[in-house]
C-alpha cells in the first residue's frame, strides 16, 4: 500500500481524488458499476493495471503450495532480482517503484531484463553466461504466462532465447584428476575432517549422486536414500531412492561394485545413521551458509572481505552488509553440535577442493562469456558417468543410474559419448581381430606343415 500511496502522490491522483489513499477507495467513492472480487469495479477493470508487487505476491502464494521449498526459493530469488533491475530502470527515468505488471511484461522490458542479466546486474560476477540467463528468464516467463492466464496482461510476448554454444558448464573429470582432489582435501578442510570429506568425494565418484543425494544417504532410514542388500528378492545390492528426492519417483537403481566395496569397509554394527557426514572445516569451525558475529569477527582478523566471500560462496557486498548489520548473521543460539552442514555449504567446499587441486574444467573465454571454472561435485558426477560409458554401459543403464527421465538429458549435459581414447581402443581391437581372422586362413594340417618349415630355418 505504501508504494501505491507514493505513486498516487507523484502522479497527482491523490490530490485529484480529494485525498483518497488507494485506487480502490477512489473507485468506491464514484460508485461506478459492480465491484468484482478484490475490490475492482467491472466497468473500470479494463482500465486498471495491477502492480508488479500485487501479481508477484499472488503468484508466489500460488507456487508455495505446488513446488518444493528449494524450487520456491529459487523462483522467489529470481523474481526479486528481476524486480530490482526493473526498479532501477524506472529510477533512472525519474520514476518510483517497479511499475504496473503491463509495463513490466512488454517485450521491450523483458529484452531489457535479459540484457541486464547477461551484463551481470545483481550478480557477484562481471557477467552471466547465456545458459544462466536463459534459465533465469525461464522463471520470469513462467510468471508472465501466469499473469496472462489471469488476464492481468493482454498477451505473452515472444522472447527469443540466447544462443548457447555448449550447455555443459564444466566437463567429466578423469581418474587422475579425482585422485588429485582426494589428495587436496586436507589442505582445504584440515586433517581432522579429511576422512569425512574424502568419503563424500568417493560416494559421488561411485554413485554419480548429486550433493543433496549424498547428504540424504542413510544406512537405516527408509525415508531417505538407502542401500538394499541381497535377499530372496534381489541377487545384487541396489540403492532405494524415495519419491521425495529430485525426480519425485520411488526408484531402485543399481549399486556400482566400487560403492559396495566402499560400504563394506564399515563394520555391520556401525551401519546406522548417515553414510556421509562431512565435518566442519578445521580452520573455520562453523556450520551452514552464514557465520555468527563471533565467527565473522574471528575471520575478519586474518581474511579480507573477498576471501570471506569466497569461503561462504557469497558476494563481497554481502560480507560488507554482514559487517554493517550483524542481525543478518546467524545467532549464536542457532549453533548446535549435532547440526549438519547444508548441501549448499558442502557443494561450495567441494568446489574449493577442486580449486586447490587445480582441476580446471572450463577455461576462461571473455568472448564466449565463460568464466574460469574448477572441478565441482557435478563434474565428479559427470566423471562417473563418463567412466561407465567408456566401460561399455548401455544408454538405458546409464540413464537409470543418473536418474534422468530422458537419455537426451544425459547426452546434452554429460557429454555421453565415448572418449577419443576409448574409441581408439575399439578401432585397434577391430584391427587386431581382422588380422587374426586373416592369419587363420590355413587349416590345421597346413599350419602344422608351416610350423615344421619354420623350425628348419
Protein backbone atom coordinates (compact mmCIF):
# COMPACT_ATOMS: atom_id res chain seq x y z
CA UNK A 1 0.00 0.00 0.00
CA UNK A 2 2.90 2.34 0.76
CA UNK A 3 4.18 2.05 -2.81
CA UNK A 4 0.69 2.75 -4.19
CA UNK A 5 0.38 5.84 -1.97
CA UNK A 6 3.74 7.12 -3.19
CA UNK A 7 2.83 6.52 -6.86
CA UNK A 8 -0.57 8.28 -6.45
CA UNK A 9 1.10 11.25 -4.78
CA UNK A 10 3.68 11.63 -7.56
CA UNK A 11 1.13 11.17 -10.36
CA UNK A 12 -1.30 13.69 -8.87
CA UNK A 13 -4.08 11.12 -8.39
CA UNK A 14 -4.02 11.65 -4.61
CA UNK A 15 -4.83 15.36 -4.86
CA UNK A 16 -7.31 14.88 -7.70
CA UNK A 17 -9.25 12.31 -5.67
CA UNK A 18 -9.56 14.60 -2.69
CA UNK A 19 -7.08 12.73 -0.52
CA UNK A 20 -8.14 9.11 -1.15
CA UNK A 21 -5.20 6.83 -0.41
CA UNK A 22 -5.86 3.90 -2.78
CA UNK A 23 -7.35 3.39 -6.23
CA UNK A 24 -9.91 1.08 -4.68
CA UNK A 25 -11.20 3.88 -2.44
CA UNK A 26 -11.30 6.20 -5.45
CA UNK A 27 -13.43 3.74 -7.43
CA UNK A 28 -15.72 3.06 -4.47
CA UNK A 29 -16.44 6.78 -3.94
CA UNK A 30 -17.50 7.17 -7.55
CA UNK A 31 -19.74 4.11 -7.14
CA UNK A 32 -19.45 3.04 -10.75
CA UNK A 33 -20.81 -0.41 -11.54
CA UNK A 34 -20.48 -3.75 -9.71
CA UNK A 35 -17.46 -4.43 -7.52
CA UNK A 36 -15.52 -7.51 -8.62
CA UNK A 37 -13.54 -9.85 -6.40
CA UNK A 38 -10.61 -7.94 -4.94
CA UNK A 39 -12.49 -4.59 -4.96
CA UNK A 40 -12.35 -3.84 -8.73
CA UNK A 41 -15.38 -2.33 -10.47
CA UNK A 42 -16.44 -4.18 -13.59
CA UNK A 43 -16.74 -1.10 -15.81
CA UNK A 44 -13.27 0.15 -14.87
CA UNK A 45 -11.47 -3.21 -14.63
CA UNK A 46 -10.15 -2.89 -18.17
CA UNK A 47 -8.56 0.46 -17.29
CA UNK A 48 -6.84 -0.80 -14.15
CA UNK A 49 -3.43 -2.41 -14.30
CA UNK A 50 -2.20 -4.36 -11.31
CA UNK A 51 1.20 -3.57 -9.93
CA UNK A 52 4.16 -5.93 -10.24
CA UNK A 53 4.12 -6.39 -6.46
CA UNK A 54 0.47 -7.47 -6.36
CA UNK A 55 0.95 -10.01 -9.13
CA UNK A 56 4.23 -11.33 -7.75
CA UNK A 57 2.76 -11.84 -4.28
CA UNK A 58 -0.24 -13.75 -5.66
CA UNK A 59 1.99 -15.85 -7.92
CA UNK A 60 4.33 -16.79 -5.07
CA UNK A 61 1.37 -17.72 -2.88
CA UNK A 62 0.19 -19.97 -5.73
CA UNK A 63 3.64 -21.56 -6.20
CA UNK A 64 4.35 -22.10 -2.50
CA UNK A 65 1.84 -24.93 -2.21
CA UNK A 66 2.79 -26.55 -5.53
CA UNK A 67 6.59 -26.84 -5.65
CA UNK A 68 9.41 -27.94 -3.39
CA UNK A 69 10.90 -25.46 -0.95
CA UNK A 70 14.14 -25.27 -2.95
CA UNK A 71 12.25 -24.51 -6.19
CA UNK A 72 10.13 -21.91 -4.42
CA UNK A 73 13.25 -20.22 -3.01
CA UNK A 74 14.83 -20.18 -6.49
CA UNK A 75 11.70 -18.67 -8.05
CA UNK A 76 11.47 -16.02 -5.33
CA UNK A 77 15.15 -15.11 -5.71
CA UNK A 78 14.97 -14.72 -9.48
CA UNK A 79 11.78 -12.66 -9.37
CA UNK A 80 13.37 -10.40 -6.76
CA UNK A 81 16.44 -9.93 -8.96
CA UNK A 82 14.17 -9.01 -11.90
CA UNK A 83 12.26 -6.59 -9.68
CA UNK A 84 15.44 -4.80 -8.59
CA UNK A 85 16.65 -4.46 -12.17
CA UNK A 86 13.32 -3.13 -13.44
CA UNK A 87 13.01 -0.76 -10.46
CA UNK A 88 16.50 0.56 -11.19
CA UNK A 89 15.48 1.25 -14.77
CA UNK A 90 12.46 3.30 -13.62
CA UNK A 91 14.60 5.21 -11.13
CA UNK A 92 16.95 6.14 -13.98
CA UNK A 93 13.85 7.56 -15.71
CA UNK A 94 12.88 9.56 -12.61
CA UNK A 95 10.03 7.19 -11.69
CA UNK A 96 9.28 5.37 -8.46
CA UNK A 97 8.69 1.66 -7.85
CA UNK A 98 8.60 -1.26 -10.24
CA UNK A 99 5.52 -0.06 -12.09
CA UNK A 100 2.47 -1.89 -13.39
CA UNK A 101 2.57 -5.50 -14.47
CA UNK A 102 1.64 -4.48 -18.02
CA UNK A 103 4.62 -2.17 -18.20
CA UNK A 104 6.96 -4.85 -16.84
CA UNK A 105 5.74 -7.56 -19.22
CA UNK A 106 6.20 -5.77 -22.53
CA UNK A 107 8.68 -7.24 -24.99
CA UNK A 108 10.90 -4.20 -24.52
CA UNK A 109 11.02 -4.63 -20.73
CA UNK A 110 11.74 -8.34 -20.98
CA UNK A 111 14.52 -7.80 -23.53
CA UNK A 112 15.99 -5.10 -21.28
CA UNK A 113 15.88 -7.53 -18.34
CA UNK A 114 17.54 -10.22 -20.46
CA UNK A 115 20.31 -7.80 -21.50
CA UNK A 116 20.96 -6.64 -17.93
CA UNK A 117 21.10 -10.20 -16.60
CA UNK A 118 23.64 -11.02 -19.30
CA UNK A 119 25.65 -7.93 -18.35
CA UNK A 120 25.88 -9.18 -14.76
CA UNK A 121 23.45 -6.86 -12.95
CA UNK A 122 22.67 -8.13 -9.41
CA UNK A 123 25.42 -10.75 -9.74
CA UNK A 124 28.70 -11.34 -7.92
CA UNK A 125 30.44 -11.90 -11.28
CA UNK A 126 31.08 -9.40 -14.08
CA UNK A 127 28.57 -11.15 -16.32
CA UNK A 128 26.33 -14.21 -16.57
CA UNK A 129 26.57 -17.00 -19.12
CA UNK A 130 23.83 -17.20 -21.80
CA UNK A 131 22.71 -20.52 -20.31
CA UNK A 132 22.26 -18.95 -16.85
CA UNK A 133 20.32 -16.05 -18.34
CA UNK A 134 18.06 -18.45 -20.26
CA UNK A 135 17.40 -20.30 -17.03
CA UNK A 136 16.52 -17.09 -15.17
CA UNK A 137 14.32 -15.82 -17.97
CA UNK A 138 12.53 -19.19 -17.99
CA UNK A 139 11.39 -18.48 -14.42
CA UNK A 140 10.35 -14.93 -15.36
CA UNK A 141 8.39 -16.13 -18.42
CA UNK A 142 6.53 -18.69 -16.29
CA UNK A 143 5.41 -15.73 -14.15
CA UNK A 144 4.44 -13.77 -17.28
CA UNK A 145 2.33 -16.70 -18.53
CA UNK A 146 0.60 -16.89 -15.15
CA UNK A 147 -0.26 -13.19 -15.42
CA UNK A 148 -1.65 -13.74 -18.93
CA UNK A 149 -3.85 -16.63 -17.71
CA UNK A 150 -5.34 -14.27 -15.12
CA UNK A 151 -5.79 -11.60 -17.83
CA UNK A 152 -3.59 -9.10 -15.98
CA UNK A 153 -1.71 -8.61 -19.25
CA UNK A 154 -3.03 -8.81 -22.79
CA UNK A 155 -0.60 -11.36 -24.19
CA UNK A 156 2.69 -13.18 -23.60
CA UNK A 157 5.45 -11.56 -25.69
CA UNK A 158 7.67 -13.90 -27.71
CA UNK A 159 11.16 -13.60 -26.23
CA UNK A 160 13.98 -15.33 -28.09
CA UNK A 161 16.38 -17.38 -26.02
CA UNK A 162 20.07 -16.59 -26.15
CA UNK A 163 22.20 -18.92 -28.24
CA UNK A 164 24.25 -21.37 -26.18
CA UNK A 165 27.31 -23.00 -27.74
CA UNK A 166 27.84 -25.67 -25.10
CA UNK A 167 25.14 -26.32 -22.49
CA UNK A 168 27.54 -28.12 -20.16
CA UNK A 169 29.40 -25.85 -17.75
CA UNK A 170 32.39 -27.97 -16.88
CA UNK A 171 33.28 -31.47 -18.03
CA UNK A 172 33.78 -35.01 -16.73
CA UNK A 173 36.94 -35.25 -14.64
CA UNK A 174 39.41 -38.11 -15.11
CA UNK A 175 40.53 -40.66 -12.52
CA UNK A 176 43.88 -38.86 -12.20
CA UNK A 177 42.07 -35.58 -11.51
CA UNK A 178 39.84 -37.28 -8.96
CA UNK A 179 42.92 -38.61 -7.17
CA UNK A 180 44.33 -35.08 -7.18
CA UNK A 181 41.16 -33.85 -5.48
CA UNK A 182 41.40 -36.57 -2.82
CA UNK A 183 45.00 -35.52 -2.19
CA UNK A 184 43.99 -31.85 -1.84
CA UNK A 185 41.28 -32.49 0.77
CA UNK A 186 43.41 -31.92 3.94
CA UNK A 187 44.72 -28.63 2.52
CA UNK A 188 41.15 -27.31 2.44
CA UNK A 189 39.35 -28.91 5.39
CA UNK A 190 42.20 -29.76 7.77
CA UNK A 191 43.47 -33.12 8.97
CA UNK A 192 40.65 -33.77 11.45
CA UNK A 193 37.91 -33.53 8.81
CA UNK A 194 39.82 -35.17 5.92
CA UNK A 195 38.35 -38.67 6.25
CA UNK A 196 34.74 -37.48 6.27
CA UNK A 197 35.23 -35.27 3.21
CA UNK A 198 37.08 -37.92 1.24
CA UNK A 199 34.14 -40.21 1.87
CA UNK A 200 31.82 -37.62 0.32
CA UNK A 201 34.03 -37.43 -2.79
CA UNK A 202 34.24 -41.24 -3.05
CA UNK A 203 30.47 -41.66 -2.78
CA UNK A 204 29.84 -39.18 -5.61
CA UNK A 205 32.55 -40.89 -7.70
CA UNK A 206 30.96 -44.34 -7.20
CA UNK A 207 27.28 -43.36 -7.45
CA UNK A 208 27.03 -40.25 -9.68
CA UNK A 209 24.96 -38.76 -6.83
CA UNK A 210 24.17 -35.08 -6.57
CA UNK A 211 25.34 -33.35 -3.39
CA UNK A 212 21.81 -33.43 -1.98
CA UNK A 213 21.66 -37.18 -2.58
CA UNK A 214 24.92 -37.73 -0.69
CA UNK A 215 23.63 -35.75 2.28
CA UNK A 216 20.43 -37.82 2.28
CA UNK A 217 22.21 -41.20 2.04
CA UNK A 218 21.37 -43.23 5.15
CA UNK A 219 22.24 -46.71 6.40
CA UNK A 220 18.89 -47.43 8.01
CA UNK A 221 16.36 -44.60 7.49
CA UNK A 222 13.88 -45.94 4.91
CA UNK A 223 12.50 -42.45 4.28
CA UNK A 224 15.92 -41.40 2.90
CA UNK A 225 18.13 -42.81 0.14
CA UNK A 226 19.42 -46.13 1.49
CA UNK A 227 21.17 -49.32 0.32
CA UNK A 228 19.24 -52.54 -0.30
CA UNK A 229 21.25 -55.69 0.26
CA UNK A 230 20.81 -59.09 -1.49
CA UNK A 231 17.93 -61.21 -0.22
CA UNK A 232 15.31 -63.59 -1.59
CA UNK A 233 14.05 -60.90 -3.98
CA UNK A 234 17.30 -59.43 -5.25
CA UNK A 235 20.57 -61.06 -6.22
CA UNK A 236 22.70 -57.90 -6.26
CA UNK A 237 22.80 -54.87 -3.92
CA UNK A 238 20.89 -51.79 -5.11
CA UNK A 239 20.03 -48.30 -3.87
CA UNK A 240 16.50 -47.22 -2.96
CA UNK A 241 15.53 -43.65 -3.94
CA UNK A 242 12.36 -42.37 -2.19
CA UNK A 243 9.92 -40.16 -4.05
CA UNK A 244 10.81 -37.04 -2.04
CA UNK A 245 14.09 -36.76 -3.96
CA UNK A 246 14.52 -34.56 -7.04
CA UNK A 247 12.59 -36.63 -9.61
CA UNK A 248 9.66 -37.36 -7.25
CA UNK A 249 9.64 -41.08 -8.06
CA UNK A 250 10.22 -44.15 -5.96
CA UNK A 251 13.18 -45.77 -7.71
CA UNK A 252 15.64 -48.58 -7.25
CA UNK A 253 18.96 -48.16 -9.06
CA UNK A 254 21.99 -50.45 -9.40
CA UNK A 255 24.77 -50.19 -6.84
CA UNK A 256 28.14 -49.98 -8.55
CA UNK A 257 30.72 -52.56 -7.35
CA UNK A 258 33.08 -49.74 -6.25
CA UNK A 259 30.42 -48.37 -3.89
CA UNK A 260 29.74 -51.84 -2.49
CA UNK A 261 33.46 -52.18 -1.75
CA UNK A 262 33.49 -48.75 -0.08
CA UNK A 263 30.47 -49.54 2.10
CA UNK A 264 31.92 -52.92 3.08
CA UNK A 265 34.71 -51.09 4.91
CA UNK A 266 32.14 -50.06 7.55
CA UNK A 267 31.51 -52.79 10.17
CA UNK A 268 27.92 -54.03 10.24
CA UNK A 269 27.39 -52.94 13.84
CA UNK A 270 28.34 -49.36 12.83
CA UNK A 271 25.90 -49.14 9.93
CA UNK A 272 23.46 -46.65 11.40
CA UNK A 273 22.68 -43.00 10.71
CA UNK A 274 24.14 -41.05 7.78
CA UNK A 275 26.57 -42.78 5.43
CA UNK A 276 28.25 -39.44 4.68
CA UNK A 277 28.55 -36.82 7.38
CA UNK A 278 31.25 -34.26 6.48
CA UNK A 279 32.71 -32.42 9.46
CA UNK A 280 33.12 -28.63 9.72
CA UNK A 281 36.34 -27.28 8.26
CA UNK A 282 39.03 -27.17 10.94
CA UNK A 283 40.18 -23.62 10.18
CA UNK A 284 36.66 -22.20 10.25
CA UNK A 285 34.65 -24.35 12.68
CA UNK A 286 31.24 -23.06 11.63
CA UNK A 287 28.03 -24.57 10.27
CA UNK A 288 25.83 -23.59 7.35
CA UNK A 289 25.95 -20.66 4.97
CA UNK A 290 26.39 -17.71 7.36
CA UNK A 291 28.76 -17.20 10.27
CA UNK A 292 27.82 -15.99 13.70
CA UNK A 293 29.04 -12.50 14.72
CA UNK A 294 31.88 -14.09 16.72
CA UNK A 295 32.94 -16.26 13.78
CA UNK A 296 32.87 -13.31 11.39
CA UNK A 297 34.99 -11.23 13.77
CA UNK A 298 37.49 -14.09 14.01
CA UNK A 299 37.66 -14.48 10.21
CA UNK A 300 37.96 -10.71 9.70
CA UNK A 301 41.20 -10.64 11.70
CA UNK A 302 43.02 -12.78 9.13
CA UNK A 303 40.99 -12.58 5.90
CA UNK A 304 39.88 -9.84 3.53
CA UNK A 305 36.21 -9.33 2.61
CA UNK A 306 36.88 -11.01 -0.73
CA UNK A 307 38.41 -14.07 0.94
CA UNK A 308 35.50 -14.34 3.38
CA UNK A 309 33.06 -14.06 0.46
CA UNK A 310 34.83 -16.95 -1.30
CA UNK A 311 34.66 -19.06 1.87
CA UNK A 312 30.88 -18.71 2.04
CA UNK A 313 30.16 -18.53 -1.69
CA UNK A 314 28.60 -15.05 -1.49
CA UNK A 315 29.44 -11.63 -2.92
CA UNK A 316 31.77 -9.15 -1.26
CA UNK A 317 28.74 -6.87 -0.94
CA UNK A 318 27.03 -9.50 1.21
CA UNK A 319 30.05 -9.59 3.54
CA UNK A 320 30.00 -5.79 3.86
CA UNK A 321 26.31 -5.98 4.79
CA UNK A 322 27.10 -8.65 7.40
CA UNK A 323 29.72 -6.36 8.93
CA UNK A 324 27.39 -3.35 8.90
CA UNK A 325 24.33 -5.23 10.18
CA UNK A 326 25.06 -8.20 12.49
CA UNK A 327 21.34 -9.07 12.57
CA UNK A 328 21.85 -10.62 9.12
CA UNK A 329 24.18 -13.20 10.67
CA UNK A 330 23.36 -16.48 12.33
CA UNK A 331 22.54 -16.14 16.01
CA UNK A 332 24.79 -17.94 18.48
CA UNK A 333 21.76 -19.90 19.67
CA UNK A 334 21.40 -21.44 16.20
CA UNK A 335 24.71 -23.29 16.52
CA UNK A 336 24.33 -26.90 17.57
CA UNK A 337 26.92 -29.62 17.97
CA UNK A 338 24.65 -32.05 16.12
CA UNK A 339 23.68 -29.75 13.25
CA UNK A 340 24.84 -31.00 9.86
CA UNK A 341 26.33 -28.90 7.11
CA UNK A 342 23.87 -27.85 4.43
CA UNK A 343 24.14 -29.29 0.93
CA UNK A 344 24.91 -25.78 -0.35
CA UNK A 345 27.84 -25.48 2.04
CA UNK A 346 29.10 -28.96 1.13
CA UNK A 347 28.93 -28.10 -2.57
CA UNK A 348 30.98 -24.95 -2.06
CA UNK A 349 33.65 -26.78 -0.05
CA UNK A 350 33.93 -29.40 -2.79
CA UNK A 351 34.45 -26.53 -5.23
CA UNK A 352 37.27 -25.21 -3.04
CA UNK A 353 38.84 -28.70 -3.10
CA UNK A 354 38.68 -28.71 -6.91
CA UNK A 355 40.34 -25.31 -6.95
CA UNK A 356 43.08 -26.37 -4.53
CA UNK A 357 43.72 -29.45 -6.70
CA UNK A 358 43.94 -27.11 -9.73
CA UNK A 359 41.48 -29.24 -11.72
CA UNK A 360 40.26 -26.78 -14.38
CA UNK A 361 37.10 -27.93 -16.15
CA UNK A 362 36.43 -24.75 -18.14
CA UNK A 363 38.94 -22.20 -19.39
CA UNK A 364 38.13 -18.51 -19.25
CA UNK A 365 36.82 -17.09 -22.53
CA UNK A 366 35.56 -13.50 -22.41
CA UNK A 367 34.24 -13.65 -25.96
CA UNK A 368 32.02 -16.64 -25.18
CA UNK A 369 31.28 -15.31 -21.68
CA UNK A 370 32.84 -18.28 -19.94
CA UNK A 371 34.48 -17.96 -16.54
CA UNK A 372 37.42 -20.00 -15.31
CA UNK A 373 35.83 -22.96 -13.56
CA UNK A 374 37.37 -25.55 -11.28
CA UNK A 375 36.01 -29.05 -10.67
CA UNK A 376 32.82 -29.22 -8.63
CA UNK A 377 30.64 -32.03 -7.30
CA UNK A 378 28.77 -32.07 -10.60
CA UNK A 379 31.99 -32.62 -12.55
CA UNK A 380 32.74 -35.63 -10.33
CA UNK A 381 29.23 -36.90 -11.15
CA UNK A 382 29.97 -36.39 -14.83
CA UNK A 383 33.27 -38.24 -14.38
CA UNK A 384 31.41 -41.25 -13.01
CA UNK A 385 29.04 -41.18 -15.98
CA UNK A 386 31.92 -40.90 -18.48
CA UNK A 387 33.76 -43.78 -16.82
CA UNK A 388 30.69 -46.01 -17.14
CA UNK A 389 30.25 -45.05 -20.79
CA UNK A 390 33.84 -45.93 -21.56
CA UNK A 391 33.35 -49.27 -19.85
CA UNK A 392 30.53 -50.03 -22.28
CA UNK A 393 27.49 -49.41 -20.08
CA UNK A 394 24.33 -49.11 -22.19
CA UNK A 395 22.40 -45.88 -22.55
CA UNK A 396 19.45 -47.39 -20.70
CA UNK A 397 21.57 -48.41 -17.72
CA UNK A 398 23.34 -45.06 -17.59
CA UNK A 399 20.01 -43.23 -17.66
CA UNK A 400 18.85 -45.38 -14.74
CA UNK A 401 21.99 -44.70 -12.67
CA UNK A 402 21.85 -40.94 -13.34
CA UNK A 403 18.07 -40.95 -12.80
CA UNK A 404 17.22 -38.96 -15.91
CA UNK A 405 13.75 -39.24 -17.40
CA UNK A 406 15.19 -38.91 -20.91
CA UNK A 407 18.60 -40.04 -22.20
CA UNK A 408 18.74 -36.86 -24.29
CA UNK A 409 19.43 -35.08 -20.99
CA UNK A 410 22.38 -37.38 -20.39
CA UNK A 411 23.78 -36.71 -23.85
CA UNK A 412 23.22 -32.96 -23.58
CA UNK A 413 24.67 -32.29 -20.16
CA UNK A 414 27.13 -35.11 -19.57
CA UNK A 415 28.87 -35.47 -22.91
CA UNK A 416 27.69 -39.05 -23.03
CA UNK A 417 29.87 -40.20 -25.89
CA UNK A 418 32.85 -42.48 -25.91
CA UNK A 419 36.10 -40.71 -25.27
CA UNK A 420 38.72 -40.47 -28.00
CA UNK A 421 40.93 -42.99 -26.19
CA UNK A 422 38.05 -45.41 -25.79
CA UNK A 423 37.12 -45.08 -29.46
CA UNK A 424 40.76 -45.52 -30.46
CA UNK A 425 40.98 -48.72 -28.40
CA UNK A 426 37.85 -50.05 -30.05
CA UNK A 427 39.31 -49.40 -33.52
CA UNK A 428 42.60 -51.09 -32.59
CA UNK A 429 40.71 -54.09 -31.26
CA UNK A 430 38.82 -54.31 -34.54
CA UNK A 431 42.11 -54.14 -36.49
CA UNK A 432 43.58 -56.86 -34.26
CA UNK A 433 40.53 -59.03 -34.75
CA UNK A 434 40.72 -58.60 -38.54
CA UNK A 435 44.43 -59.51 -38.50
CA UNK A 436 43.74 -62.66 -36.52
CA UNK A 437 40.99 -63.68 -38.89
CA UNK A 438 43.30 -63.12 -41.87
CA UNK A 439 46.04 -65.17 -40.24
CA UNK A 440 43.65 -68.03 -39.66
CA UNK A 441 43.03 -68.84 -43.33
CA UNK A 442 45.12 -72.09 -43.02
CA UNK A 443 43.57 -75.38 -41.93
CA UNK A 444 45.22 -77.34 -39.04
CA UNK A 445 47.18 -79.61 -41.39
CA UNK A 446 48.60 -76.66 -43.30
CA UNK A 447 49.51 -74.89 -40.07
CA UNK A 448 51.43 -77.97 -38.87
CA UNK A 449 53.41 -78.11 -42.11
CA UNK A 450 54.13 -74.39 -41.82
CA UNK A 451 55.46 -74.81 -38.26
CA UNK A 452 57.79 -77.63 -39.40
CA UNK A 453 59.14 -75.49 -42.22
CA UNK A 454 59.73 -72.55 -39.87
CA UNK A 455 61.58 -74.79 -37.39
CA UNK A 456 64.03 -75.84 -40.09
CA UNK A 457 65.01 -72.27 -40.93
